[in-house]
């Protein structure tokens, strides 16, 4: 779930335009942390793996067949 949380955090920064500010505002930082934490908690209660982890595992599964 950590890769998914990192990607969501990065996308949130881009969408909100926070990277254009000289420094992150404390409220933005705390809001981002709270949002990702709540999302990760709810997701992990219903799904075994994060979305990015599942996608990466699916894409690299054929590599396990190579000998």
N, C-alpha and C. Protein backbone atom coordinates (compact mmCIF):
# COMPACT_ATOMS: atom_id res chain seq x y z
N UNK A 1 0.82 -1.19 0.00
CA UNK A 1 0.00 0.00 0.00
C UNK A 1 0.87 1.26 0.00
N UNK A 2 2.12 1.13 0.35
CA UNK A 2 2.96 2.32 0.45
C UNK A 2 3.23 2.95 -0.92
N UNK A 3 3.39 2.12 -1.96
CA UNK A 3 3.60 2.68 -3.30
C UNK A 3 2.36 3.44 -3.75
N UNK A 4 1.19 2.88 -3.53
CA UNK A 4 -0.06 3.55 -3.89
C UNK A 4 -0.22 4.86 -3.13
N UNK A 5 0.09 4.85 -1.83
CA UNK A 5 -0.01 6.07 -1.03
C UNK A 5 0.95 7.14 -1.55
N UNK A 6 2.16 6.73 -1.92
CA UNK A 6 3.14 7.68 -2.46
C UNK A 6 2.66 8.29 -3.77
N UNK A 7 2.13 7.45 -4.66
CA UNK A 7 1.62 7.94 -5.95
C UNK A 7 0.45 8.89 -5.72
N UNK A 8 -0.47 8.53 -4.83
CA UNK A 8 -1.61 9.42 -4.54
C UNK A 8 -1.15 10.75 -3.96
N UNK A 9 -0.17 10.70 -3.09
CA UNK A 9 0.37 11.92 -2.48
C UNK A 9 0.97 12.83 -3.56
N UNK A 10 1.75 12.23 -4.46
CA UNK A 10 2.37 12.99 -5.54
C UNK A 10 1.33 13.56 -6.49
N UNK A 11 0.33 12.77 -6.85
CA UNK A 11 -0.74 13.27 -7.73
C UNK A 11 -1.52 14.39 -7.05
N UNK A 12 -1.75 14.26 -5.75
CA UNK A 12 -2.44 15.31 -5.01
C UNK A 12 -1.68 16.63 -5.04
N UNK A 13 -0.37 16.57 -4.90
CA UNK A 13 0.46 17.77 -4.95
C UNK A 13 0.34 18.43 -6.32
N UNK A 14 0.38 17.61 -7.38
CA UNK A 14 0.29 18.15 -8.74
C UNK A 14 -1.08 18.74 -9.00
N UNK A 15 -2.14 18.02 -8.64
CA UNK A 15 -3.51 18.48 -8.90
C UNK A 15 -3.81 19.76 -8.13
N UNK A 16 -3.39 19.84 -6.88
CA UNK A 16 -3.66 21.02 -6.06
C UNK A 16 -2.72 22.18 -6.38
N UNK A 17 -1.67 21.92 -7.12
CA UNK A 17 -0.72 22.97 -7.47
C UNK A 17 0.15 23.41 -6.31
N UNK A 18 0.33 22.54 -5.35
CA UNK A 18 1.11 22.90 -4.17
C UNK A 18 2.59 23.07 -4.51
N UNK A 19 3.08 22.39 -5.55
CA UNK A 19 4.50 22.48 -5.88
C UNK A 19 4.89 23.87 -6.34
N UNK A 20 3.92 24.71 -6.67
CA UNK A 20 4.22 26.06 -7.12
C UNK A 20 4.42 27.03 -5.97
N UNK A 21 4.08 26.64 -4.77
CA UNK A 21 4.26 27.51 -3.62
C UNK A 21 5.71 27.45 -3.15
N UNK A 22 6.19 28.52 -2.52
CA UNK A 22 7.57 28.50 -2.03
C UNK A 22 7.78 27.47 -0.92
N UNK A 23 6.76 27.18 -0.17
CA UNK A 23 6.85 26.18 0.90
C UNK A 23 5.47 25.60 1.15
N UNK A 24 5.42 24.35 1.54
CA UNK A 24 4.13 23.71 1.79
C UNK A 24 3.49 24.32 3.03
N UNK A 25 2.26 24.66 2.92
CA UNK A 25 1.50 25.19 4.05
C UNK A 25 1.17 24.01 4.97
N UNK A 26 1.25 24.24 6.26
CA UNK A 26 1.04 23.18 7.23
C UNK A 26 -0.32 22.51 7.05
N UNK A 27 -1.36 23.29 6.77
CA UNK A 27 -2.69 22.73 6.58
C UNK A 27 -2.73 21.79 5.37
N UNK A 28 -2.04 22.16 4.30
CA UNK A 28 -1.99 21.30 3.11
C UNK A 28 -1.28 19.98 3.43
N UNK A 29 -0.20 20.07 4.15
CA UNK A 29 0.55 18.88 4.52
C UNK A 29 -0.28 17.96 5.41
N UNK A 30 -0.89 18.51 6.44
CA UNK A 30 -1.71 17.70 7.34
C UNK A 30 -2.93 17.13 6.64
N UNK A 31 -3.53 17.91 5.75
CA UNK A 31 -4.68 17.43 4.98
C UNK A 31 -4.29 16.29 4.07
N UNK A 32 -3.14 16.40 3.45
CA UNK A 32 -2.65 15.34 2.56
C UNK A 32 -2.37 14.06 3.35
N UNK A 33 -1.72 14.20 4.47
CA UNK A 33 -1.42 13.04 5.31
C UNK A 33 -2.71 12.37 5.78
N UNK A 34 -3.65 13.16 6.24
CA UNK A 34 -4.92 12.61 6.73
C UNK A 34 -5.69 11.92 5.61
N UNK A 35 -5.74 12.53 4.43
CA UNK A 35 -6.48 11.95 3.32
C UNK A 35 -5.88 10.62 2.89
N UNK A 36 -4.57 10.58 2.72
CA UNK A 36 -3.91 9.34 2.29
C UNK A 36 -4.04 8.26 3.37
N UNK A 37 -3.95 8.64 4.63
CA UNK A 37 -4.07 7.67 5.72
C UNK A 37 -5.47 7.07 5.77
N UNK A 38 -6.49 7.91 5.64
CA UNK A 38 -7.87 7.41 5.65
C UNK A 38 -8.12 6.51 4.44
N UNK A 39 -7.67 6.95 3.26
CA UNK A 39 -7.85 6.15 2.06
C UNK A 39 -7.16 4.80 2.19
N UNK A 40 -5.91 4.80 2.67
CA UNK A 40 -5.15 3.55 2.80
C UNK A 40 -5.80 2.61 3.81
N UNK A 41 -6.31 3.16 4.89
CA UNK A 41 -6.97 2.34 5.90
C UNK A 41 -8.23 1.69 5.34
N UNK A 42 -9.07 2.48 4.69
CA UNK A 42 -10.30 1.95 4.11
C UNK A 42 -10.01 0.94 3.00
N UNK A 43 -9.04 1.26 2.16
CA UNK A 43 -8.70 0.36 1.05
C UNK A 43 -8.20 -0.99 1.59
N UNK A 44 -7.30 -0.95 2.58
CA UNK A 44 -6.70 -2.19 3.07
C UNK A 44 -7.69 -3.05 3.85
N UNK A 45 -8.78 -2.49 4.29
CA UNK A 45 -9.80 -3.29 4.97
C UNK A 45 -10.62 -4.12 3.98
N UNK A 46 -10.67 -3.67 2.73
CA UNK A 46 -11.49 -4.35 1.73
C UNK A 46 -10.68 -5.07 0.66
N UNK A 47 -9.47 -4.63 0.42
CA UNK A 47 -8.63 -5.19 -0.63
C UNK A 47 -7.29 -5.56 -0.03
N UNK A 48 -6.71 -6.66 -0.50
CA UNK A 48 -5.47 -7.16 0.09
C UNK A 48 -4.27 -6.28 -0.23
N UNK A 49 -4.19 -5.79 -1.46
CA UNK A 49 -3.02 -5.02 -1.91
C UNK A 49 -3.45 -3.67 -2.44
N UNK A 50 -2.51 -2.75 -2.44
CA UNK A 50 -2.76 -1.44 -3.04
C UNK A 50 -2.88 -1.56 -4.55
N UNK A 51 -3.49 -0.58 -5.17
CA UNK A 51 -3.72 -0.61 -6.61
C UNK A 51 -2.40 -0.65 -7.37
N UNK A 52 -1.46 0.20 -7.02
CA UNK A 52 -0.16 0.23 -7.72
C UNK A 52 0.62 -1.06 -7.47
N UNK A 53 0.54 -1.61 -6.27
CA UNK A 53 1.22 -2.86 -5.96
C UNK A 53 0.64 -4.00 -6.79
N UNK A 54 -0.67 -4.04 -6.90
CA UNK A 54 -1.33 -5.07 -7.71
C UNK A 54 -0.93 -4.93 -9.17
N UNK A 55 -0.95 -3.70 -9.69
CA UNK A 55 -0.60 -3.47 -11.09
C UNK A 55 0.85 -3.87 -11.36
N UNK A 56 1.75 -3.49 -10.48
CA UNK A 56 3.16 -3.84 -10.64
C UNK A 56 3.35 -5.36 -10.58
N UNK A 57 2.67 -6.02 -9.67
CA UNK A 57 2.75 -7.48 -9.58
C UNK A 57 2.22 -8.17 -10.81
N UNK A 58 1.12 -7.64 -11.37
CA UNK A 58 0.54 -8.22 -12.57
C UNK A 58 1.46 -8.05 -13.78
N UNK A 59 2.03 -6.88 -13.91
CA UNK A 59 2.90 -6.59 -15.05
C UNK A 59 4.18 -7.43 -14.99
N UNK A 60 4.71 -7.65 -13.79
CA UNK A 60 5.98 -8.37 -13.67
C UNK A 60 5.83 -9.87 -13.46
N UNK A 61 4.61 -10.38 -13.37
CA UNK A 61 4.39 -11.81 -13.17
C UNK A 61 5.04 -12.66 -14.25
N UNK A 62 4.96 -12.29 -15.53
CA UNK A 62 5.62 -13.11 -16.56
C UNK A 62 7.13 -13.27 -16.36
N UNK A 63 7.77 -12.35 -15.69
CA UNK A 63 9.21 -12.45 -15.45
C UNK A 63 9.53 -13.66 -14.57
N UNK A 64 8.59 -14.09 -13.75
CA UNK A 64 8.81 -15.26 -12.91
C UNK A 64 8.84 -16.55 -13.71
N UNK A 65 8.34 -16.54 -14.92
CA UNK A 65 8.32 -17.72 -15.76
C UNK A 65 9.63 -17.91 -16.54
N UNK A 66 10.47 -16.87 -16.56
CA UNK A 66 11.73 -16.92 -17.29
C UNK A 66 12.75 -17.70 -16.47
N UNK A 67 13.44 -18.63 -17.13
CA UNK A 67 14.45 -19.41 -16.42
C UNK A 67 15.76 -19.29 -17.10
